[in-house]
Structures are given as C-alpha cells and as structure tokens.
C-alpha cells in the first residue's frame, strides 16, 4: 500500500493540489493528520475532505486542535472518507487507528485541546493492536524528531509515546508541529511528520511485507 500523508491544511487552497498528487505519486490511500480547517466548521472540513476524495481513493482522517470539536466524531456523508478517531479500521491487511486533537497548547486558545489523561483514555480504546498496525495521530509522540519545536523543546504527547512503545505499530502518521517535518524512529516504529500541507508539503509512505519506507515530498 502506498499512502499520501498530509496534515495541517488549515483551510488552504493548497488542498486542490492533493488529488493530482495522489494520481502522480500513484498512491492507494490518503492520510489526513488533522488541522483540516483553520478554526472552521464541520461543513468546511467536509468540503475540504471532499476535494481530497476526488482522487477516488479512501481518505482516512482525524481532527486537529484547530478543527471544530464536533469533527472529532463526525461521520462524513461520502463513504470514501473515514474518521479514525478512537477507532480501529481494517484496510489492506492492516489495522489503522486514529487519535484527534492535541495537548493543551502554550497559548491555550485552540479548539480541541486535551490533557495527557484524556489522550491516554482515548488511546486505551484502541489497545491490543497487532504488529501490522498504523496510528494516525494529529499530536506526535513525545521525544522524537516529529515533536521538536522551533525553540528546541519536545512538545509531543507522553500518552501517545507510551501507546507506541506498548503497541509497536509499524507507522505513526502525525502533524501538528509545523517546523518538525521529519522521518524518524521510536523503537521499531517509523514516525512521519509530513509538514504543513498549507505550505505544499506531503509525504509518500510505502507499506508492504518488507516493512515501511517513507520520503518527504511536495504536492507540486
């Protein structure tokens, strides 16, 4: 399976580039790791996801901290668009689980901000994953390249990290920290922060029986 990973669209018109990128990069599915809107509505999020789904590929998403709280558990009308928040979904021989929202931010004014305890409780609903699994999370795990802020501080989630260390998914697709565009590892798990799609960034990830490989790319 080849995945096009994007996050942090923030309502940008760059979303219009995604369906073409899916075709040109011959991807089988799209992962959207949150912040689809920029303090927008559920209707706006569904419109943006609908544009991505024009690629005629399944679109898996979670909400980010700049999305409306109602998006956390919203089920889009388009059956190709799948909300993974706190659920496990079987696709192409893999289990894919999702976690929306983020930790409380330094300014504390975004829309879906959660405590470590709340994130841990949500993640507990998805325990018992098999080795061949993927976590799609807006918030990166703590202490990796994907959560390194501009000030040099790690701002990821300890709860997400504990989940990754326990469940050992093959891949964590995340976003949230715009400046932490990276591919790194946490144990055997590949951690991919594709960077903000609003700036034209994406990642292409190949998952097969031989493992997981990823590369950072641009939409255009």
C-alpha atoms as a PDB file:
ATOM      1  CA  UNK A   1       0.000   0.000   0.000  1.00  0.00           C
ATOM      2  CA  UNK A   2       1.242   3.465  -0.875  1.00  0.00           C
ATOM      3  CA  UNK A   3      -0.039   6.324   1.271  1.00  0.00           C
ATOM      4  CA  UNK A   4      -0.041  10.045   0.611  1.00  0.00           C
ATOM      5  CA  UNK A   5       0.203  11.699   4.033  1.00  0.00           C
ATOM      6  CA  UNK A   6      -0.830  15.324   4.576  1.00  0.00           C
ATOM      7  CA  UNK A   7      -1.664  17.400   7.635  1.00  0.00           C
ATOM      8  CA  UNK A   8      -2.204  20.988   8.718  1.00  0.00           C
ATOM      9  CA  UNK A   9      -4.069  22.131   5.632  1.00  0.00           C
ATOM     10  CA  UNK A  10      -5.629  24.937   7.699  1.00  0.00           C
ATOM     11  CA  UNK A  11      -8.248  25.669   5.052  1.00  0.00           C
ATOM     12  CA  UNK A  12      -5.627  26.489   2.424  1.00  0.00           C
ATOM     13  CA  UNK A  13      -6.387  26.261  -1.288  1.00  0.00           C
ATOM     14  CA  UNK A  14      -3.355  24.002  -1.479  1.00  0.00           C
ATOM     15  CA  UNK A  15      -5.895  21.215  -0.862  1.00  0.00           C
ATOM     16  CA  UNK A  16      -6.785  21.486  -4.546  1.00  0.00           C
ATOM     17  CA  UNK A  17      -3.329  20.074  -5.369  1.00  0.00           C
ATOM     18  CA  UNK A  18      -3.835  16.898  -3.358  1.00  0.00           C
ATOM     19  CA  UNK A  19      -5.972  14.813  -5.791  1.00  0.00           C
ATOM     20  CA  UNK A  20      -3.440  15.361  -8.579  1.00  0.00           C
ATOM     21  CA  UNK A  21      -0.580  14.465  -6.229  1.00  0.00           C
ATOM     22  CA  UNK A  22      -2.367  11.220  -5.344  1.00  0.00           C
ATOM     23  CA  UNK A  23      -2.517  10.324  -9.040  1.00  0.00           C
ATOM     24  CA  UNK A  24       1.013  11.396  -9.939  1.00  0.00           C
ATOM     25  CA  UNK A  25       2.539   9.606  -6.948  1.00  0.00           C
ATOM     26  CA  UNK A  26       0.352   6.512  -7.593  1.00  0.00           C
ATOM     27  CA  UNK A  27      -0.990   6.357  -4.033  1.00  0.00           C
ATOM     28  CA  UNK A  28      -3.647   3.912  -2.847  1.00  0.00           C
ATOM     29  CA  UNK A  29      -4.953   5.944   0.111  1.00  0.00           C
ATOM     30  CA  UNK A  30      -4.686   9.368   1.728  1.00  0.00           C
ATOM     31  CA  UNK A  31      -3.990  10.041   5.413  1.00  0.00           C
ATOM     32  CA  UNK A  32      -5.021  13.459   6.749  1.00  0.00           C
ATOM     33  CA  UNK A  33      -3.447  14.027  10.166  1.00  0.00           C
ATOM     34  CA  UNK A  34      -5.610  16.881  11.411  1.00  0.00           C
ATOM     35  CA  UNK A  35      -5.977  20.672  11.244  1.00  0.00           C
ATOM     36  CA  UNK A  36      -8.068  20.397   8.131  1.00  0.00           C
ATOM     37  CA  UNK A  37      -9.600  23.816   8.791  1.00  0.00           C
ATOM     38  CA  UNK A  38      -8.316  26.944  10.499  1.00  0.00           C
ATOM     39  CA  UNK A  39     -10.912  27.382  13.257  1.00  0.00           C
ATOM     40  CA  UNK A  40     -13.554  26.440  10.695  1.00  0.00           C
ATOM     41  CA  UNK A  41     -16.788  24.467  10.725  1.00  0.00           C
ATOM     42  CA  UNK A  42     -17.646  20.820  10.217  1.00  0.00           C
ATOM     43  CA  UNK A  43     -19.166  21.788   6.874  1.00  0.00           C
ATOM     44  CA  UNK A  44     -15.888  23.377   5.788  1.00  0.00           C
ATOM     45  CA  UNK A  45     -13.936  20.301   6.890  1.00  0.00           C
ATOM     46  CA  UNK A  46     -16.267  18.043   4.933  1.00  0.00           C
ATOM     47  CA  UNK A  47     -15.875  20.238   1.853  1.00  0.00           C
ATOM     48  CA  UNK A  48     -12.075  20.082   2.087  1.00  0.00           C
ATOM     49  CA  UNK A  49     -12.088  16.321   2.651  1.00  0.00           C
ATOM     50  CA  UNK A  50     -14.458  16.019  -0.302  1.00  0.00           C
ATOM     51  CA  UNK A  51     -11.910  17.713  -2.546  1.00  0.00           C
ATOM     52  CA  UNK A  52      -9.263  15.223  -1.409  1.00  0.00           C
ATOM     53  CA  UNK A  53     -11.682  12.341  -2.047  1.00  0.00           C
ATOM     54  CA  UNK A  54     -11.958  13.426  -5.698  1.00  0.00           C
ATOM     55  CA  UNK A  55      -8.868  11.264  -6.127  1.00  0.00           C
ATOM     56  CA  UNK A  56     -11.268   8.294  -5.857  1.00  0.00           C
ATOM     57  CA  UNK A  57      -9.106   6.802  -3.096  1.00  0.00           C
ATOM     58  CA  UNK A  58     -10.076   6.203   0.539  1.00  0.00           C
ATOM     59  CA  UNK A  59      -9.346   9.217   2.735  1.00  0.00           C
ATOM     60  CA  UNK A  60      -8.588   8.472   6.398  1.00  0.00           C
ATOM     61  CA  UNK A  61      -8.582  11.455   8.750  1.00  0.00           C
ATOM     62  CA  UNK A  62      -8.553  12.708  12.312  1.00  0.00           C
ATOM     63  CA  UNK A  63      -9.387  16.209  13.557  1.00  0.00           C
ATOM     64  CA  UNK A  64      -6.689  18.575  14.777  1.00  0.00           C
ATOM     65  CA  UNK A  65      -6.712  21.175  17.527  1.00  0.00           C
ATOM     66  CA  UNK A  66      -7.712  23.923  15.065  1.00  0.00           C
ATOM     67  CA  UNK A  67     -10.750  21.961  13.872  1.00  0.00           C
ATOM     68  CA  UNK A  68     -14.234  22.190  15.434  1.00  0.00           C
ATOM     69  CA  UNK A  69     -14.830  19.792  18.364  1.00  0.00           C
ATOM     70  CA  UNK A  70     -17.825  18.297  16.569  1.00  0.00           C
ATOM     71  CA  UNK A  71     -15.447  16.955  13.907  1.00  0.00           C
ATOM     72  CA  UNK A  72     -13.879  14.535  16.392  1.00  0.00           C
ATOM     73  CA  UNK A  73     -16.729  12.067  15.976  1.00  0.00           C
ATOM     74  CA  UNK A  74     -18.307  13.323  12.759  1.00  0.00           C
ATOM     75  CA  UNK A  75     -19.130  10.761  10.094  1.00  0.00           C
ATOM     76  CA  UNK A  76     -18.924  12.320   6.592  1.00  0.00           C
ATOM     77  CA  UNK A  77     -21.620  11.542   4.041  1.00  0.00           C
ATOM     78  CA  UNK A  78     -19.025  10.390   1.491  1.00  0.00           C
ATOM     79  CA  UNK A  79     -18.309   6.726   2.280  1.00  0.00           C
ATOM     80  CA  UNK A  80     -14.744   7.050   0.989  1.00  0.00           C
ATOM     81  CA  UNK A  81     -13.943   9.482   3.831  1.00  0.00           C
ATOM     82  CA  UNK A  82     -13.297   7.623   7.095  1.00  0.00           C
ATOM     83  CA  UNK A  83     -12.935   9.260  10.503  1.00  0.00           C
ATOM     84  CA  UNK A  84     -10.486   7.164  12.549  1.00  0.00           C
ATOM     85  CA  UNK A  85     -10.723   8.991  15.890  1.00  0.00           C
ATOM     86  CA  UNK A  86     -10.596   6.354  18.682  1.00  0.00           C
ATOM     87  CA  UNK A  87     -11.497   3.507  16.324  1.00  0.00           C
ATOM     88  CA  UNK A  88      -9.658   0.620  14.669  1.00  0.00           C
ATOM     89  CA  UNK A  89     -10.276   0.083  10.966  1.00  0.00           C
ATOM     90  CA  UNK A  90      -9.137  -2.870   8.886  1.00  0.00           C
ATOM     91  CA  UNK A  91      -7.765  -1.904   5.487  1.00  0.00           C
ATOM     92  CA  UNK A  92      -5.450  -3.668   3.045  1.00  0.00           C
ATOM     93  CA  UNK A  93      -4.339  -6.228   5.619  1.00  0.00           C
ATOM     94  CA  UNK A  94      -3.577  -3.599   8.269  1.00  0.00           C
ATOM     95  CA  UNK A  95      -5.269  -2.202  11.337  1.00  0.00           C
ATOM     96  CA  UNK A  96      -5.405   1.603  11.256  1.00  0.00           C
ATOM     97  CA  UNK A  97      -6.255   3.512  14.438  1.00  0.00           C
ATOM     98  CA  UNK A  98      -6.671   7.247  14.943  1.00  0.00           C
ATOM     99  CA  UNK A  99      -6.412   9.981  17.561  1.00  0.00           C
ATOM    100  CA  UNK A 100      -7.637  13.537  17.044  1.00  0.00           C
ATOM    101  CA  UNK A 101      -6.993  16.774  18.924  1.00  0.00           C
ATOM    102  CA  UNK A 102      -3.802  17.860  20.650  1.00  0.00           C
ATOM    103  CA  UNK A 103      -2.349  18.518  24.044  1.00  0.00           C
ATOM    104  CA  UNK A 104      -3.112  21.880  25.602  1.00  0.00           C
ATOM    105  CA  UNK A 105      -1.048  24.381  23.624  1.00  0.00           C
ATOM    106  CA  UNK A 106       1.180  27.106  25.080  1.00  0.00           C
ATOM    107  CA  UNK A 107      -1.442  29.748  24.246  1.00  0.00           C
ATOM    108  CA  UNK A 108      -4.398  27.530  25.161  1.00  0.00           C
ATOM    109  CA  UNK A 109      -6.791  29.070  22.660  1.00  0.00           C
ATOM    110  CA  UNK A 110      -7.322  26.386  20.031  1.00  0.00           C
ATOM    111  CA  UNK A 111     -10.480  24.331  19.713  1.00  0.00           C
ATOM    112  CA  UNK A 112      -9.635  20.721  20.633  1.00  0.00           C
ATOM    113  CA  UNK A 113      -7.109  20.702  23.470  1.00  0.00           C
ATOM    114  CA  UNK A 114      -6.861  17.647  25.696  1.00  0.00           C
ATOM    115  CA  UNK A 115      -4.900  16.576  28.748  1.00  0.00           C
ATOM    116  CA  UNK A 116      -2.480  13.643  28.743  1.00  0.00           C
ATOM    117  CA  UNK A 117      -5.032  11.758  30.841  1.00  0.00           C
ATOM    118  CA  UNK A 118      -7.757  12.349  28.247  1.00  0.00           C
ATOM    119  CA  UNK A 119      -5.472  11.239  25.402  1.00  0.00           C
ATOM    120  CA  UNK A 120      -4.470   8.125  27.370  1.00  0.00           C
ATOM    121  CA  UNK A 121      -8.133   7.259  27.958  1.00  0.00           C
ATOM    122  CA  UNK A 122      -8.917   7.629  24.259  1.00  0.00           C
ATOM    123  CA  UNK A 123      -5.927   5.509  23.285  1.00  0.00           C
ATOM    124  CA  UNK A 124      -6.980   2.763  25.703  1.00  0.00           C
ATOM    125  CA  UNK A 125      -9.955   2.115  23.424  1.00  0.00           C
ATOM    126  CA  UNK A 126      -7.500   1.011  20.743  1.00  0.00           C
ATOM    127  CA  UNK A 127      -5.193  -1.241  22.752  1.00  0.00           C
ATOM    128  CA  UNK A 128      -4.421  -4.743  21.600  1.00  0.00           C
ATOM    129  CA  UNK A 129      -3.370  -3.845  18.067  1.00  0.00           C
ATOM    130  CA  UNK A 130      -1.486  -6.398  16.041  1.00  0.00           C
ATOM    131  CA  UNK A 131       2.070  -5.667  14.935  1.00  0.00           C
ATOM    132  CA  UNK A 132       0.917  -4.782  11.412  1.00  0.00           C
ATOM    133  CA  UNK A 133      -0.869  -1.614  12.509  1.00  0.00           C
ATOM    134  CA  UNK A 134      -0.728   2.145  11.933  1.00  0.00           C
ATOM    135  CA  UNK A 135      -1.579   5.072  14.197  1.00  0.00           C
ATOM    136  CA  UNK A 136      -2.860   8.260  12.564  1.00  0.00           C
ATOM    137  CA  UNK A 137      -2.493  10.966  15.221  1.00  0.00           C
ATOM    138  CA  UNK A 138      -2.536  14.743  14.991  1.00  0.00           C
ATOM    139  CA  UNK A 139      -0.297  15.005  18.054  1.00  0.00           C
ATOM    140  CA  UNK A 140       3.136  13.372  17.668  1.00  0.00           C
ATOM    141  CA  UNK A 141       4.617  11.179  20.387  1.00  0.00           C
ATOM    142  CA  UNK A 142       6.948  12.828  22.859  1.00  0.00           C
ATOM    143  CA  UNK A 143      10.700  12.834  22.352  1.00  0.00           C
ATOM    144  CA  UNK A 144      11.190  12.297  18.625  1.00  0.00           C
ATOM    145  CA  UNK A 145      12.072  14.496  15.651  1.00  0.00           C
ATOM    146  CA  UNK A 146       8.373  14.971  14.857  1.00  0.00           C
ATOM    147  CA  UNK A 147       7.621  16.909  18.058  1.00  0.00           C
ATOM    148  CA  UNK A 148      10.633  19.233  18.180  1.00  0.00           C
ATOM    149  CA  UNK A 149       9.528  22.861  18.402  1.00  0.00           C
ATOM    150  CA  UNK A 150      11.369  25.851  16.998  1.00  0.00           C
ATOM    151  CA  UNK A 151      12.727  26.559  20.484  1.00  0.00           C
ATOM    152  CA  UNK A 152      14.264  23.082  20.641  1.00  0.00           C
ATOM    153  CA  UNK A 153      11.686  21.748  23.102  1.00  0.00           C
ATOM    154  CA  UNK A 154       9.917  18.420  22.685  1.00  0.00           C
ATOM    155  CA  UNK A 155       6.170  19.150  22.823  1.00  0.00           C
ATOM    156  CA  UNK A 156       4.681  15.789  21.901  1.00  0.00           C
ATOM    157  CA  UNK A 157       2.418  13.593  23.976  1.00  0.00           C
ATOM    158  CA  UNK A 158       3.728  11.195  26.620  1.00  0.00           C
ATOM    159  CA  UNK A 159       0.464   9.238  26.323  1.00  0.00           C
ATOM    160  CA  UNK A 160       0.978   8.744  22.583  1.00  0.00           C
ATOM    161  CA  UNK A 161       4.576   7.683  23.177  1.00  0.00           C
ATOM    162  CA  UNK A 162       3.528   5.106  25.803  1.00  0.00           C
ATOM    163  CA  UNK A 163       0.919   3.750  23.383  1.00  0.00           C
ATOM    164  CA  UNK A 164       3.521   3.430  20.616  1.00  0.00           C
ATOM    165  CA  UNK A 165       6.018   1.721  22.921  1.00  0.00           C
ATOM    166  CA  UNK A 166       3.363  -0.747  24.089  1.00  0.00           C
ATOM    167  CA  UNK A 167       1.563  -1.470  20.812  1.00  0.00           C
ATOM    168  CA  UNK A 168       4.565  -1.085  18.464  1.00  0.00           C
ATOM    169  CA  UNK A 169       2.709  -0.049  15.302  1.00  0.00           C
ATOM    170  CA  UNK A 170       4.786  -0.081  12.123  1.00  0.00           C
ATOM    171  CA  UNK A 171       3.947   3.585  11.465  1.00  0.00           C
ATOM    172  CA  UNK A 172       2.772   6.745  13.204  1.00  0.00           C
ATOM    173  CA  UNK A 173       1.489   9.413  10.799  1.00  0.00           C
ATOM    174  CA  UNK A 174       1.302  12.751  12.599  1.00  0.00           C
ATOM    175  CA  UNK A 175       1.446  16.532  12.192  1.00  0.00           C
ATOM    176  CA  UNK A 176       0.693  19.494  14.485  1.00  0.00           C
ATOM    177  CA  UNK A 177       4.275  20.748  14.904  1.00  0.00           C
ATOM    178  CA  UNK A 178       4.768  22.586  11.617  1.00  0.00           C
ATOM    179  CA  UNK A 179       8.514  23.083  11.965  1.00  0.00           C
ATOM    180  CA  UNK A 180       9.175  19.407  12.805  1.00  0.00           C
ATOM    181  CA  UNK A 181       8.887  17.972   9.294  1.00  0.00           C
ATOM    182  CA  UNK A 182      10.757  14.711   9.624  1.00  0.00           C
ATOM    183  CA  UNK A 183      11.092  10.965   9.341  1.00  0.00           C
ATOM    184  CA  UNK A 184      12.445   9.257  12.448  1.00  0.00           C
ATOM    185  CA  UNK A 185      12.019   6.136  14.554  1.00  0.00           C
ATOM    186  CA  UNK A 186      10.745   5.333  18.019  1.00  0.00           C
ATOM    187  CA  UNK A 187      11.979   1.821  18.593  1.00  0.00           C
ATOM    188  CA  UNK A 188      10.904  -0.115  15.509  1.00  0.00           C
ATOM    189  CA  UNK A 189       8.091   2.331  14.690  1.00  0.00           C
ATOM    190  CA  UNK A 190       8.533   4.817  11.849  1.00  0.00           C
ATOM    191  CA  UNK A 191       7.333   8.327  12.805  1.00  0.00           C
ATOM    192  CA  UNK A 192       6.398  10.627   9.914  1.00  0.00           C
ATOM    193  CA  UNK A 193       5.548  14.324  10.228  1.00  0.00           C
ATOM    194  CA  UNK A 194       4.981  15.410   6.631  1.00  0.00           C
ATOM    195  CA  UNK A 195       4.993  19.134   7.438  1.00  0.00           C
ATOM    196  CA  UNK A 196       2.112  21.551   6.803  1.00  0.00           C
ATOM    197  CA  UNK A 197       0.206  20.908   3.595  1.00  0.00           C
ATOM    198  CA  UNK A 198      -0.705  24.594   3.537  1.00  0.00           C
ATOM    199  CA  UNK A 199       2.942  25.129   2.565  1.00  0.00           C
ATOM    200  CA  UNK A 200       2.795  22.420  -0.084  1.00  0.00           C
ATOM    201  CA  UNK A 201       4.341  19.601   1.955  1.00  0.00           C
ATOM    202  CA  UNK A 202       3.399  15.925   1.997  1.00  0.00           C
ATOM    203  CA  UNK A 203       4.959  12.502   2.482  1.00  0.00           C
ATOM    204  CA  UNK A 204       4.754   9.297   0.477  1.00  0.00           C
ATOM    205  CA  UNK A 205       4.799   6.100   2.532  1.00  0.00           C
ATOM    206  CA  UNK A 206       5.089   2.538   1.249  1.00  0.00           C
ATOM    207  CA  UNK A 207       3.890  -0.285   3.496  1.00  0.00           C
ATOM    208  CA  UNK A 208       4.459  -3.891   2.459  1.00  0.00           C
ATOM    209  CA  UNK A 209       5.578  -7.223   3.835  1.00  0.00           C
ATOM    210  CA  UNK A 210       9.160  -5.966   3.839  1.00  0.00           C
ATOM    211  CA  UNK A 211       8.409  -3.064   6.174  1.00  0.00           C
ATOM    212  CA  UNK A 212       7.709   0.654   5.894  1.00  0.00           C
ATOM    213  CA  UNK A 213       9.574   3.271   3.875  1.00  0.00           C
ATOM    214  CA  UNK A 214       8.789   6.985   3.668  1.00  0.00           C
ATOM    215  CA  UNK A 215      10.039  10.063   1.883  1.00  0.00           C
ATOM    216  CA  UNK A 216       9.212  13.722   2.342  1.00  0.00           C
ATOM    217  CA  UNK A 217       7.893  15.358  -0.815  1.00  0.00           C
ATOM    218  CA  UNK A 218       5.926  18.348  -2.097  1.00  0.00           C
ATOM    219  CA  UNK A 219       2.424  18.404  -3.520  1.00  0.00           C
ATOM    220  CA  UNK A 220       3.570  20.264  -6.638  1.00  0.00           C
END
